[in-house]
Protein backbone atom coordinates (compact mmCIF):
# COMPACT_ATOMS: atom_id res chain seq x y z
CA MET A 1 8.82 -32.23 -41.69
CA LYS A 2 10.78 -32.10 -38.41
CA GLY A 3 11.64 -28.46 -39.07
CA LYS A 4 7.96 -27.52 -39.45
CA ASN A 5 7.06 -29.34 -36.22
CA LEU A 6 9.85 -27.59 -34.35
CA ILE A 7 8.75 -24.18 -35.63
CA SER A 8 5.13 -24.93 -34.70
CA ALA A 9 6.16 -26.03 -31.21
CA LEU A 10 8.27 -22.90 -30.68
CA ALA A 11 5.44 -20.66 -31.88
CA LEU A 12 3.07 -22.35 -29.44
CA LEU A 13 5.52 -21.93 -26.55
CA ALA A 14 6.05 -18.26 -27.40
CA GLY A 15 2.39 -17.58 -26.74
CA MET A 16 2.30 -19.35 -23.38
CA PRO A 17 4.39 -17.18 -20.99
CA SER A 18 1.60 -14.67 -20.33
CA ALA A 19 -0.72 -17.41 -19.10
CA ALA A 20 1.97 -19.05 -17.00
CA SER A 21 3.12 -15.84 -15.33
CA ALA A 22 -0.05 -14.96 -13.41
CA ALA A 23 0.13 -15.27 -9.62
CA THR A 24 -1.62 -14.40 -6.38
CA VAL A 25 0.66 -12.65 -3.89
CA THR A 26 0.16 -11.65 -0.26
CA GLY A 27 2.23 -9.13 1.65
CA ARG A 28 2.33 -5.87 3.56
CA ILE A 29 2.64 -2.68 1.50
CA THR A 30 5.90 -0.92 2.42
CA TYR A 31 6.03 1.69 -0.36
CA LEU A 32 3.26 3.33 -2.36
CA ASP A 33 3.23 6.05 -5.01
CA LEU A 34 -0.17 6.30 -6.68
CA ASN A 35 1.10 9.07 -8.98
CA THR A 36 3.46 6.61 -10.68
CA HIS A 37 1.18 3.59 -9.98
CA ARG A 38 3.90 1.72 -8.08
CA LEU A 39 3.94 -0.16 -4.82
CA MET A 40 6.34 -2.45 -3.00
CA LEU A 41 5.51 -5.33 -0.70
CA ASP A 42 7.50 -6.42 2.33
CA ASN A 43 9.26 -9.05 0.20
CA SER A 44 10.93 -6.10 -1.67
CA ASP A 45 9.11 -6.87 -4.94
CA MET A 46 8.04 -3.75 -6.83
CA TYR A 47 4.69 -3.80 -8.64
CA VAL A 48 2.87 -1.56 -11.08
CA VAL A 49 -0.80 -0.98 -10.32
CA ALA A 50 -2.85 -1.34 -13.52
CA PRO A 51 -4.79 1.85 -14.34
CA ASP A 52 -8.16 0.09 -14.05
CA VAL A 53 -7.49 -1.16 -10.48
CA ALA A 54 -9.35 0.91 -7.89
CA PRO A 55 -7.04 2.18 -5.11
CA THR A 56 -9.51 1.05 -2.41
CA GLY A 57 -7.55 -0.68 0.36
CA ILE A 58 -4.17 0.20 -1.08
CA GLU A 59 -2.32 1.98 1.74
CA VAL A 60 1.15 1.68 3.27
CA GLY A 61 1.07 -0.79 6.15
CA ARG A 62 -1.91 -2.79 4.92
CA LEU A 63 -1.73 -6.54 4.44
CA VAL A 64 -3.03 -7.26 0.94
CA THR A 65 -3.67 -10.19 -1.35
CA LEU A 66 -3.28 -9.28 -5.01
CA ASP A 67 -3.56 -10.85 -8.44
CA ALA A 68 -0.48 -9.99 -10.48
CA THR A 69 0.87 -10.87 -13.88
CA ILE A 70 4.19 -10.30 -15.59
CA ARG A 71 4.04 -8.00 -18.60
CA GLY A 72 7.46 -7.66 -20.13
CA THR A 73 9.80 -6.87 -17.24
CA GLU A 74 7.12 -5.53 -14.87
CA LYS A 75 4.92 -7.23 -12.30
CA VAL A 76 1.48 -5.70 -12.80
CA ILE A 77 -1.30 -5.81 -10.20
CA THR A 78 -4.53 -6.65 -11.97
CA LYS A 79 -6.85 -7.01 -8.98
CA VAL A 80 -6.95 -6.39 -5.22
CA LEU A 81 -8.47 -9.56 -3.75
CA LYS A 82 -8.29 -8.76 -0.05
CA TYR A 83 -6.94 -6.14 2.34
CA THR A 84 -6.80 -5.80 6.14
């Protein structure tokens, strides 16, 4: 019985990382390549811009607030919340 509970608990935990890895980040864009869908913020974190995110407000030098999530080894921007 303990073995089944342990396996159930591990299976439940395996499904949780995607929900726990979402974050809102703010920073100034220091690098941008829309051809490869990549940008870097002034904290030196590299992000991938999801294909469905409109590039409005995404320019080098802009201060942005973004929703991002971790998918595998990449930090993926899922939404531009604010830009100035």
